[in-house]
Protein backbone atom coordinates (compact mmCIF):
# COMPACT_ATOMS: atom_id res chain seq x y z
CA UNK A 1 82.89 49.07 76.63
CA UNK A 2 84.32 50.36 80.03
CA UNK A 3 86.34 53.22 78.33
CA UNK A 4 83.16 55.14 77.57
CA UNK A 5 82.49 55.68 81.25
CA UNK A 6 83.62 58.73 83.03
CA UNK A 7 86.64 58.20 85.23
CA UNK A 8 86.75 58.86 89.02
CA UNK A 9 88.51 62.13 89.80
CA UNK A 10 91.41 61.57 92.25
CA UNK A 11 90.07 61.92 95.75
CA UNK A 12 92.07 63.67 98.35
CA UNK A 13 92.83 62.47 101.70
CA UNK A 14 91.00 64.49 104.49
CA UNK A 15 94.33 65.25 106.19
CA UNK A 16 95.83 66.69 102.94
CA UNK A 17 98.03 69.86 102.83
CA UNK A 18 95.02 71.64 101.07
CA UNK A 19 93.32 74.01 103.39
CA UNK A 20 89.40 73.17 103.52
CA UNK A 21 86.36 74.01 105.19
CA UNK A 22 85.63 71.61 107.89
CA UNK A 23 82.11 72.68 108.29
CA UNK A 24 79.33 70.29 107.43
CA UNK A 25 76.87 71.44 104.69
CA UNK A 26 73.68 70.78 106.52
CA UNK A 27 70.66 70.42 104.44
CA UNK A 28 68.83 73.90 105.63
CA UNK A 29 65.34 73.59 106.32
CA UNK A 30 63.19 74.16 103.23
CA UNK A 31 61.46 76.97 104.90
CA UNK A 32 64.55 78.73 105.29
CA UNK A 33 65.23 78.88 101.57
CA UNK A 34 61.56 79.56 100.96
CA UNK A 35 61.36 76.40 98.73
CA UNK A 36 58.74 74.27 100.87
CA UNK A 37 58.20 70.64 99.21
CA UNK A 38 54.59 71.52 99.02
CA UNK A 39 52.18 68.71 99.25
CA UNK A 40 54.62 65.93 98.16
CA UNK A 41 54.63 62.76 100.23
CA UNK A 42 58.44 61.96 100.57
CA UNK A 43 57.95 58.77 102.45
CA UNK A 44 55.46 57.36 100.28
CA UNK A 45 57.45 58.17 97.24
CA UNK A 46 60.56 56.26 98.53
CA UNK A 47 58.49 53.43 99.97
CA UNK A 48 56.96 52.80 96.54
CA UNK A 49 60.49 51.36 95.29
CA UNK A 50 62.45 49.75 98.02
CA UNK A 51 64.95 46.98 97.47
CA UNK A 52 63.42 43.55 98.30
CA UNK A 53 64.94 41.42 100.91
CA UNK A 54 67.50 39.10 99.40
CA UNK A 55 67.86 41.12 96.15
CA UNK A 56 71.27 42.19 94.68
CA UNK A 57 71.77 46.01 95.80
CA UNK A 58 73.94 46.59 92.88
CA UNK A 59 71.86 44.84 90.00
CA UNK A 60 69.68 47.38 88.83
CA UNK A 61 71.46 50.61 89.20
CA UNK A 62 75.32 49.53 89.47
CA UNK A 63 75.59 51.13 92.82
CA UNK A 64 74.51 49.92 96.46
CA UNK A 65 70.75 50.61 96.35
CA UNK A 66 70.42 49.52 99.89
CA UNK A 67 72.79 52.22 100.99
CA UNK A 68 71.25 54.99 99.02
CA UNK A 69 67.64 53.95 100.13
CA UNK A 70 68.96 53.89 103.86
CA UNK A 71 70.20 57.70 103.56
CA UNK A 72 66.73 58.81 102.33
CA UNK A 73 65.95 62.00 100.64
CA UNK A 74 68.63 64.17 102.27
CA UNK A 75 71.69 64.25 104.36
CA UNK A 76 74.47 66.46 105.73
CA UNK A 77 77.68 66.51 103.83
CA UNK A 78 81.03 68.17 104.28
CA UNK A 79 81.87 71.44 102.63
CA UNK A 80 84.81 70.51 100.62
CA UNK A 81 85.63 73.90 99.28
CA UNK A 82 88.99 75.65 100.07
CA UNK A 83 88.18 77.99 103.04
CA UNK A 84 88.83 81.26 101.05
CA UNK A 85 85.65 80.46 98.96
CA UNK A 86 83.53 81.46 101.73
CA UNK A 87 84.66 85.02 101.66
CA UNK A 88 84.00 85.34 97.81
CA UNK A 89 81.37 87.57 96.96
CA UNK A 90 78.84 87.46 94.28
CA UNK A 91 76.54 89.87 92.58
CA UNK A 92 73.03 90.22 94.48
CA UNK A 93 71.22 90.34 91.16
CA UNK A 94 72.44 87.03 89.76
CA UNK A 95 70.11 85.74 86.92
CA UNK A 96 67.95 82.49 87.77
CA UNK A 97 68.61 79.26 86.04
CA UNK A 98 66.60 76.20 84.73
CA UNK A 99 68.01 73.14 86.27
CA UNK A 100 67.92 70.18 83.62
CA UNK A 101 68.02 66.70 84.95
CA UNK A 102 67.68 63.71 82.64
CA UNK A 103 67.18 60.11 83.75
CA UNK A 104 66.24 56.67 82.69
CA UNK A 105 65.09 54.19 85.66
CA UNK A 106 67.07 56.21 88.39
CA UNK A 107 66.78 54.90 91.89
CA UNK A 108 64.16 57.10 93.72
CA UNK A 109 66.25 57.90 96.58
CA UNK A 110 69.08 59.10 94.63
CA UNK A 111 66.98 61.09 92.28
CA UNK A 112 65.12 62.74 95.15
CA UNK A 113 68.46 63.54 97.00
CA UNK A 114 69.77 65.27 93.79
CA UNK A 115 66.50 67.27 93.57
CA UNK A 116 66.44 68.11 97.22
CA UNK A 117 70.05 68.90 97.50
CA UNK A 118 69.38 71.84 94.60
CA UNK A 119 66.25 73.16 96.46
CA UNK A 120 68.00 73.23 99.91
CA UNK A 121 71.49 74.36 99.05
CA UNK A 122 70.71 76.89 96.40
CA UNK A 123 69.44 80.61 97.04
CA UNK A 124 65.48 80.37 96.02
CA UNK A 125 66.09 83.30 93.99
CA UNK A 126 68.28 81.39 91.59
CA UNK A 127 66.22 78.24 90.85
CA UNK A 128 63.69 79.33 88.21
CA UNK A 129 62.60 75.45 87.85
CA UNK A 130 63.90 72.05 88.01
CA UNK A 131 63.09 70.25 84.63
CA UNK A 132 63.07 66.43 84.96
CA UNK A 133 63.18 64.60 81.68
CA UNK A 134 62.21 61.04 82.12
CA UNK A 135 63.74 59.15 79.24
CA UNK A 136 60.94 56.53 78.94
CA UNK A 137 61.56 54.96 82.27
CA UNK A 138 59.74 51.65 83.12
CA UNK A 139 57.72 53.37 85.89
CA UNK A 140 56.29 56.91 84.75
CA UNK A 141 55.39 57.75 88.50
CA UNK A 142 59.33 58.09 89.23
CA UNK A 143 58.95 61.41 87.49
CA UNK A 144 55.27 62.20 87.81
CA UNK A 145 55.19 62.13 91.52
CA UNK A 146 58.06 64.69 91.91
CA UNK A 147 56.06 67.16 89.81
CA UNK A 148 54.13 67.77 93.09
CA UNK A 149 57.31 69.34 94.45
CA UNK A 150 57.06 73.07 93.86
CA UNK A 151 59.36 74.44 91.01
CA UNK A 152 59.61 70.78 89.50
CA UNK A 153 58.35 70.02 86.15
CA UNK A 154 58.21 66.64 84.62
CA UNK A 155 58.60 65.81 80.87
CA UNK A 156 58.30 62.17 79.66
CA UNK A 157 59.86 60.78 76.56
CA UNK A 158 57.36 58.65 74.53
CA UNK A 159 60.38 56.38 73.53
CA UNK A 160 64.05 56.00 74.63
CA UNK A 161 65.88 59.03 73.31
CA UNK A 162 69.12 59.09 75.38
CA UNK A 163 70.79 62.00 77.39
CA UNK A 164 71.60 64.14 74.26
CA UNK A 165 68.34 64.41 72.86
CA UNK A 166 66.59 64.54 76.27
CA UNK A 167 68.83 67.52 77.39
CA UNK A 168 67.82 69.36 74.01
CA UNK A 169 64.39 68.70 75.00
CA UNK A 170 64.92 70.24 78.63
CA UNK A 171 66.80 73.24 77.03
CA UNK A 172 63.99 73.95 74.67
CA UNK A 173 61.34 73.85 77.53
CA UNK A 174 63.56 76.02 79.78
CA UNK A 175 62.14 79.45 80.74
CA UNK A 176 65.42 80.87 82.24
CA UNK A 177 68.15 82.50 80.55
CA UNK A 178 70.83 80.31 81.97
CA UNK A 179 70.79 76.43 81.85
CA UNK A 180 72.30 74.09 84.63
CA UNK A 181 72.77 70.46 83.32
CA UNK A 182 73.03 68.04 86.14
CA UNK A 183 73.15 64.18 86.40
CA UNK A 184 70.55 62.48 88.32
CA UNK A 185 72.78 60.86 90.96
CA UNK A 186 74.34 63.95 92.37
CA UNK A 187 74.38 65.89 95.56
CA UNK A 188 75.36 69.60 95.29
CA UNK A 189 77.46 71.22 97.87
CA UNK A 190 77.10 74.67 99.64
CA UNK A 191 76.98 77.76 97.57
CA UNK A 192 77.55 75.45 94.39
CA UNK A 193 75.44 77.69 92.25
CA UNK A 194 76.49 81.15 92.70
CA UNK A 195 80.17 80.84 91.42
CA UNK A 196 79.12 79.34 88.09
CA UNK A 197 76.29 81.80 87.53
CA UNK A 198 78.56 84.60 88.21
CA UNK A 199 81.15 83.41 85.51
CA UNK A 200 78.35 83.16 82.93
CA UNK A 201 76.80 86.44 83.79
CA UNK A 202 80.44 88.23 83.39
CA UNK A 203 80.82 86.43 80.05
CA UNK A 204 77.92 84.75 78.21
CA UNK A 205 80.47 82.47 76.10
CA UNK A 206 81.88 80.75 79.25
CA UNK A 207 80.82 77.24 79.86
CA UNK A 208 81.46 76.31 83.49
CA UNK A 209 81.70 73.20 85.41
CA UNK A 210 82.15 72.53 89.29
CA UNK A 211 84.84 70.41 90.68
CA UNK A 212 83.16 66.89 90.80
CA UNK A 213 83.34 65.36 94.10
CA UNK A 214 83.18 61.44 94.45
CA UNK A 215 80.15 59.69 96.20
CA UNK A 216 81.24 56.18 96.74
CA UNK A 217 79.13 53.59 94.74
CA UNK A 218 79.43 51.36 97.55
CA UNK A 219 78.77 53.11 100.91
CA UNK A 220 77.85 56.57 99.57
CA UNK A 221 80.53 58.26 101.55
CA UNK A 222 81.19 61.82 100.12
CA UNK A 223 84.60 62.15 99.08
CA UNK A 224 86.58 65.29 98.30
CA UNK A 225 88.24 65.52 94.62
CA UNK A 226 91.47 67.08 94.11
CA UNK A 227 91.32 70.76 93.29
CA UNK A 228 94.44 70.52 90.89
CA UNK A 229 92.68 68.39 87.98
CA UNK A 230 91.23 69.45 84.71
CA UNK A 231 89.60 67.46 81.89
CA UNK A 232 91.77 65.82 79.25
CA UNK A 233 91.67 62.91 76.66
CA UNK A 234 93.83 60.68 74.68
CA UNK A 235 93.54 60.04 70.81
CA UNK A 236 91.14 57.49 71.28
CA UNK A 237 88.65 59.93 72.56
CA UNK A 238 88.72 58.51 76.26
CA UNK A 239 88.24 61.09 78.68
CA UNK A 240 90.41 61.34 81.82
CA UNK A 241 91.11 63.57 84.64
CA UNK A 242 94.70 65.08 84.54
CA UNK A 243 97.04 67.27 86.58
CA UNK A 244 96.85 71.14 85.82
CA UNK A 245 100.10 71.89 83.66
CA UNK A 246 102.88 72.94 86.05
CA UNK A 247 103.23 76.43 84.63
CA UNK A 248 99.58 77.02 85.21
CA UNK A 249 99.70 75.77 88.65
CA UNK A 250 102.62 77.97 89.52
CA UNK A 251 100.91 81.18 87.95
CA UNK A 252 97.79 80.23 90.35
CA UNK A 253 98.13 82.62 93.48
CA UNK A 254 94.46 82.44 94.17
CA UNK A 255 93.09 79.00 94.91
CA UNK A 256 89.48 80.30 94.13
CA UNK A 257 90.47 81.29 90.53
CA UNK A 258 88.91 79.38 87.45
CA UNK A 259 90.75 76.68 86.00
CA UNK A 260 91.02 76.50 82.13
CA UNK A 261 90.07 72.97 80.80
CA UNK A 262 90.27 71.60 77.33
CA UNK A 263 87.25 69.41 77.87
CA UNK A 264 84.62 68.97 80.47
CA UNK A 265 83.36 65.71 81.73
CA UNK A 266 79.94 66.61 80.47
CA UNK A 267 77.73 65.49 83.24
CA UNK A 268 77.31 68.79 85.05
CA UNK A 269 77.78 72.40 83.63
CA UNK A 270 76.15 75.77 83.44
CA UNK A 271 75.77 77.49 80.00
CA UNK A 272 73.90 80.67 78.83
CA UNK A 273 70.74 79.55 76.90
CA UNK A 274 71.15 81.66 73.95
CA UNK A 275 74.87 80.79 73.56
CA UNK A 276 73.83 77.27 73.69
CA UNK A 277 71.27 77.77 70.98
CA UNK A 278 73.65 79.88 68.94
CA UNK A 279 76.47 77.15 69.17
CA UNK A 280 73.99 74.39 67.83
CA UNK A 281 72.78 72.88 71.03
CA UNK A 282 74.00 69.26 70.91
CA UNK A 283 74.49 66.97 67.95
CA UNK A 284 71.21 65.13 68.21
CA UNK A 285 72.17 62.30 65.63
CA UNK A 286 74.44 61.21 68.43
CA UNK A 287 72.86 58.16 70.49
CA UNK A 288 72.16 57.46 74.15
CA UNK A 289 75.36 58.60 75.79
CA UNK A 290 79.15 59.08 75.28
CA UNK A 291 81.30 61.23 73.13
CA UNK A 292 78.90 64.46 73.53
CA UNK A 293 81.20 66.01 75.71
CA UNK A 294 84.25 66.06 73.22
CA UNK A 295 81.88 67.55 70.77
CA UNK A 296 80.58 70.25 72.86
CA UNK A 297 84.12 71.05 74.28
CA UNK A 298 85.71 71.26 70.93
CA UNK A 299 82.76 73.41 69.53
CA UNK A 300 82.80 75.83 72.49
CA UNK A 301 86.67 76.55 72.30
CA UNK A 302 86.82 76.51 68.42
CA UNK A 303 83.80 78.72 67.83
CA UNK A 304 84.51 81.38 70.21
CA UNK A 305 83.80 80.41 73.84
CA UNK A 306 85.90 78.94 76.77
CA UNK A 307 85.48 76.05 79.24
CA UNK A 308 86.33 76.46 83.00
CA UNK A 309 86.24 74.38 86.24
CA UNK A 310 85.49 76.48 89.23
CA UNK A 311 87.19 75.44 92.45
CA UNK A 312 84.57 77.06 94.71
CA UNK A 313 81.52 75.36 93.13
CA UNK A 314 81.51 71.47 94.44
CA UNK A 315 78.86 68.78 93.30
CA UNK A 316 79.15 65.32 94.37
CA UNK A 317 78.63 62.53 91.81
CA UNK A 318 78.34 58.64 91.98
CA UNK A 319 80.78 57.33 89.50
CA UNK A 320 79.80 53.90 88.47
CA UNK A 321 81.82 51.04 86.83
CA UNK A 322 79.38 49.85 84.44
CA UNK A 323 76.17 51.12 82.62
CA UNK A 324 72.88 49.87 84.29
CA UNK A 325 70.98 50.31 81.21
CA UNK A 326 71.12 48.85 77.66
CA UNK A 327 72.30 50.77 74.46
CA UNK A 328 70.20 49.70 71.43
CA UNK A 329 73.21 49.03 69.17
CA UNK A 330 75.33 47.94 72.29
CA UNK A 331 77.57 50.14 74.35
CA UNK A 332 80.78 50.20 72.30
CA UNK A 333 79.23 50.68 68.85
CA UNK A 334 77.26 53.71 70.35
CA UNK A 335 80.37 55.11 71.64
CA UNK A 336 82.25 54.52 68.24
CA UNK A 337 79.63 56.10 66.33
CA UNK A 338 79.34 59.24 68.57
CA UNK A 339 83.08 59.81 68.92
CA UNK A 340 83.55 59.30 65.10
CA UNK A 341 80.86 62.04 64.47
CA UNK A 342 83.00 64.32 66.79
CA UNK A 343 86.28 63.35 65.02
CA UNK A 344 84.95 63.92 61.47
CA UNK A 345 83.34 67.14 62.13
CA UNK A 346 85.93 68.71 64.28
CA UNK A 347 89.22 67.22 64.23
CA UNK A 348 90.49 67.97 60.60
CA UNK A 349 93.64 66.24 59.68
CA UNK A 350 94.12 65.15 63.28
CA UNK A 351 91.34 62.53 62.86
CA UNK A 352 93.91 60.30 61.74
CA UNK A 353 95.19 59.84 65.13
CA UNK A 354 91.73 58.89 66.46
CA UNK A 355 91.60 56.37 63.89
CA UNK A 356 95.01 54.91 64.77
CA UNK A 357 94.26 54.73 68.32
CA UNK A 358 90.75 53.33 67.68
CA UNK A 359 90.98 51.07 64.55
CA UNK A 360 87.88 49.55 65.32
CA UNK A 361 86.19 52.76 64.32
CA UNK A 362 87.08 52.31 60.74
CA UNK A 363 84.20 51.53 58.50
CA UNK A 364 81.71 52.01 61.27
CA UNK A 365 78.44 53.83 60.28
CA UNK A 366 78.08 57.15 61.83
CA UNK A 367 75.29 58.99 59.89
CA UNK A 368 75.33 62.11 57.76
CA UNK A 369 77.32 64.79 59.27
CA UNK A 370 76.52 67.64 56.78
CA UNK A 371 74.38 69.73 59.20
CA UNK A 372 77.24 69.83 61.71
CA UNK A 373 79.67 70.79 59.09
CA UNK A 374 77.19 73.62 57.84
CA UNK A 375 76.99 74.81 61.21
CA UNK A 376 80.70 74.84 61.69
CA UNK A 377 81.25 76.79 58.63
CA UNK A 378 78.41 79.31 59.63
CA UNK A 379 79.80 79.81 62.92
CA UNK A 380 83.28 80.55 61.44
CA UNK A 381 84.96 78.16 63.60
CA UNK A 382 88.77 77.82 64.10
CA UNK A 383 90.65 74.67 62.89
CA UNK A 384 91.55 72.05 65.40
CA UNK A 385 95.10 72.81 64.71
CA UNK A 386 94.16 75.99 66.66
CA UNK A 387 92.79 74.10 69.33
CA UNK A 388 95.87 71.90 69.69
CA UNK A 389 98.14 74.85 69.70
CA UNK A 390 96.46 77.24 72.00
CA UNK A 391 94.05 75.07 74.21
CA UNK A 392 95.54 71.62 74.43
CA UNK A 393 99.28 71.94 73.46
CA UNK A 394 99.99 69.14 76.20
CA UNK A 395 98.37 66.37 73.92
CA UNK A 396 101.31 65.14 71.86
CA UNK A 397 101.04 64.18 68.35
CA UNK A 398 102.19 60.39 68.05
CA UNK A 399 105.55 59.91 66.57
CA UNK A 400 105.27 59.32 62.84
CA UNK A 401 107.54 56.89 61.14
CA UNK A 402 109.48 58.75 58.59
CA UNK A 403 108.43 57.55 55.07
CA UNK A 404 110.57 58.74 52.14
CA UNK A 405 108.79 59.81 49.04
CA UNK A 406 109.17 61.69 45.76
CA UNK A 407 107.16 64.80 45.33
CA UNK A 408 105.69 64.54 41.68
CA UNK A 409 104.23 67.30 39.64
CA UNK A 410 103.21 65.67 36.27
CA UNK A 411 106.40 63.72 34.94
CA UNK A 412 108.80 65.94 37.12
CA UNK A 413 109.86 65.58 40.54
CA UNK A 414 110.86 68.39 43.50
CA UNK A 415 114.74 68.29 43.60
CA UNK A 416 117.20 70.36 45.84
CA UNK A 417 120.14 71.97 44.27
CA UNK A 418 122.20 73.14 47.19
CA UNK A 419 120.66 75.01 50.12
CA UNK A 420 119.33 77.92 48.19
CA UNK A 421 117.83 76.55 45.02
CA UNK A 422 114.99 74.21 44.44
CA UNK A 423 113.49 73.20 41.04
CA UNK A 424 111.39 70.53 38.99
CA UNK A 425 113.69 68.11 37.41
CA UNK A 426 113.05 64.87 35.66
CA UNK A 427 112.36 61.96 38.05
CA UNK A 428 115.43 59.76 38.36
CA UNK A 429 115.90 56.19 39.57
CA UNK A 430 113.11 53.43 40.25
CA UNK A 431 111.93 51.82 43.48
CA UNK A 432 114.14 52.34 46.38
CA UNK A 433 117.11 53.79 44.37
CA UNK A 434 116.50 57.53 44.10
CA UNK A 435 118.92 60.43 44.40
CA UNK A 436 119.06 62.21 47.96
CA UNK A 437 118.20 65.26 46.38
CA UNK A 438 114.71 63.97 45.36
CA UNK A 439 113.90 62.18 48.62
CA UNK A 440 111.52 63.75 50.96
CA UNK A 441 110.15 63.34 54.44
CA UNK A 442 106.88 64.96 55.59
CA UNK A 443 106.85 64.59 59.44
CA UNK A 444 104.35 67.36 60.09
CA UNK A 445 105.27 70.07 60.37
CA UNK A 446 108.54 69.54 58.57
CA UNK A 447 109.18 68.76 55.01
CA UNK A 448 112.72 67.61 55.34
CA UNK A 449 115.89 65.91 53.71
CA UNK A 450 118.10 64.62 56.56
CA UNK A 451 119.21 67.49 58.48
CA UNK A 452 117.90 70.00 56.25
CA UNK A 453 114.08 71.31 55.95
CA UNK A 454 111.98 73.34 53.32
CA UNK A 455 111.66 76.92 54.39
CA UNK A 456 110.27 80.14 53.09
CA UNK A 457 112.58 83.11 52.65
CA UNK A 458 109.70 85.64 53.78
CA UNK A 459 106.21 85.40 54.69
CA UNK A 460 104.74 87.39 51.63
CA UNK A 461 103.40 85.94 48.27
CA UNK A 462 105.96 85.39 45.80
CA UNK A 463 108.83 84.65 48.36
CA UNK A 464 111.15 82.17 47.17
CA UNK A 465 111.62 78.62 49.10
CA UNK A 466 115.21 77.34 50.34
CA UNK A 467 116.59 74.68 52.62
CA UNK A 468 117.40 75.33 56.22
CA UNK A 469 118.74 73.63 59.20
CA UNK A 470 115.55 71.73 60.48
CA UNK A 471 113.90 73.28 63.69
CA UNK A 472 110.29 72.26 64.75
CA UNK A 473 110.05 75.69 66.30
CA UNK A 474 110.91 77.56 63.40
CA UNK A 475 107.53 79.05 61.69
CA UNK A 476 109.17 79.47 58.42
CA UNK A 477 109.44 75.56 58.18
CA UNK A 478 105.84 74.63 59.08
CA UNK A 479 104.01 72.98 56.31
CA UNK A 480 100.73 70.81 56.16
CA UNK A 481 99.23 69.11 53.10
CA UNK A 482 95.91 70.79 51.88
CA UNK A 483 94.17 68.46 49.39
CA UNK A 484 97.06 67.91 46.77
CA UNK A 485 98.63 71.30 47.74
CA UNK A 486 101.47 71.80 50.26
CA UNK A 487 100.43 74.72 52.53
CA UNK A 488 102.79 76.82 54.67
CA UNK A 489 101.00 77.04 57.99
CA UNK A 490 102.02 80.42 59.15
CA UNK A 491 101.45 82.25 56.15
CA UNK A 492 98.65 80.32 54.41
CA UNK A 493 100.41 80.41 51.22
CA UNK A 494 101.13 77.27 48.92
CA UNK A 495 104.22 75.73 47.33
CA UNK A 496 104.08 76.77 43.66
CA UNK A 497 106.37 75.86 40.86
CA UNK A 498 104.93 78.55 38.52
CA UNK A 499 106.81 77.40 35.49
CA UNK A 500 108.64 74.06 35.22
CA UNK A 501 111.99 76.21 34.84
CA UNK A 502 111.45 78.82 37.27
CA UNK A 503 112.44 79.15 40.84
CA UNK A 504 109.89 77.48 43.55
CA UNK A 505 108.00 80.02 45.62
CA UNK A 506 105.00 80.44 47.71
CA UNK A 507 101.72 82.13 46.33
CA UNK A 508 97.99 82.27 47.23
CA UNK A 509 96.48 78.90 47.34
CA UNK A 510 94.30 78.13 44.54
CA UNK A 511 92.88 74.53 44.15
CA UNK A 512 93.13 72.67 40.80
CA UNK A 513 96.23 74.93 39.98
CA UNK A 514 98.77 72.51 38.47
CA UNK A 515 101.86 74.34 39.84
CA UNK A 516 100.59 73.87 43.21
CA UNK A 517 99.58 70.05 43.04
CA UNK A 518 102.08 67.70 44.52
CA UNK A 519 101.77 63.87 44.26
CA UNK A 520 103.89 62.14 46.95
CA UNK A 521 105.12 58.59 45.69
CA UNK A 522 106.46 56.58 48.56
CA UNK A 523 109.60 54.97 47.96
CA UNK A 524 109.60 51.25 48.68
């Protein structure tokens, strides 16, 4: 399923108006950084897996292996940061990090270039270790031989586990207080690590990601990505890069400032290890790859953290058009299972829009989510509605078709009597023939009759309800279903008939209270 693959961020032309460093980020000699490659024989490692003459260079890895092999273990790349990034100062005592790279049958030249770029473009004091998690690759030596490189550790899975469980294994094995997750087909750029560790040091609840530059899958050219992008998604939980909202763009006076992002792409990010553990690591019942970035992003935001993209950190990544490996249950089914788990645990009533956008997900197995729901309760996380209103208000809720209903309570129906009085009355009419005073349309957050909407008169328990001219921005008119109750969104109180003859009010929500139970019956 192609839409589970990460999209390529829009590259900028090199003659763009955006000022940029024109320096080339040369791979410094290893001894300059104090990270020699020890007794590792780079030439022998690469020669052990060369493309055979006549073989399709794209077949095994979904990128041009011939071109990757031609580049070898390192190359110079252009410094793609804004020129002002070079003058940003970082604390001299930044904590070190464990870099965690998981892979399955990665090309040796690509994997080695990832590792060497980390070792040569990072201050030696910041690299505690590089942990490679070999997810049961066909050739165990792809990883084992690299453990000869100082600071590189190799852990091999005894069976195929996938990215998610492999990353958790790497995090558990990490000895540093900060975790850096990196894909196995990357090249880090100049001073990529300091900005991210600085932000996490200042606030351990931040989860930070670099701007992800593009490495061409065809000729391995290193292309600068736009600095005006953040992560977004549609209701099918399909990740996309999108422009920063115009009001945020206008407020950005400093091009080195962090960019708030609703979601991260998920391949490359830095996170405090204790915060990673506190938030429940990853959902390890997700399989192989896909959807885990939504689950992590929702959890970080809703449970007290934040997500940022840092313009002064740049990492190149090979974006492929297909997966070069197999999914045990097939690509599409795995992505649906994983995104269903994210939707069911985190999206509350908004999950209906996920199912509308991805009808094939209905009825597909997704396993038990009780552990993740317990985690959400334990962490006292905010509702998805809060995420929509505070983190991603640009994601529009799909237009709902107006459906008329009567709101029944026992044998009685909710009825308006002018604008100031509502009461329960005998349900009148049958089928589509109902009096206008008993016809209601719930188009969240409004409960309406033509141009009038149900509103509370005050935000206190015991306040009467009335009808007012509809306005989606009026906090007194915002309602949502809560089980069989109708809850006022802002006050948290529920619509209550108290007694069949008394006025309608809002009171503390109490499940199973007969006076708060409303049964919508669609008028056909």
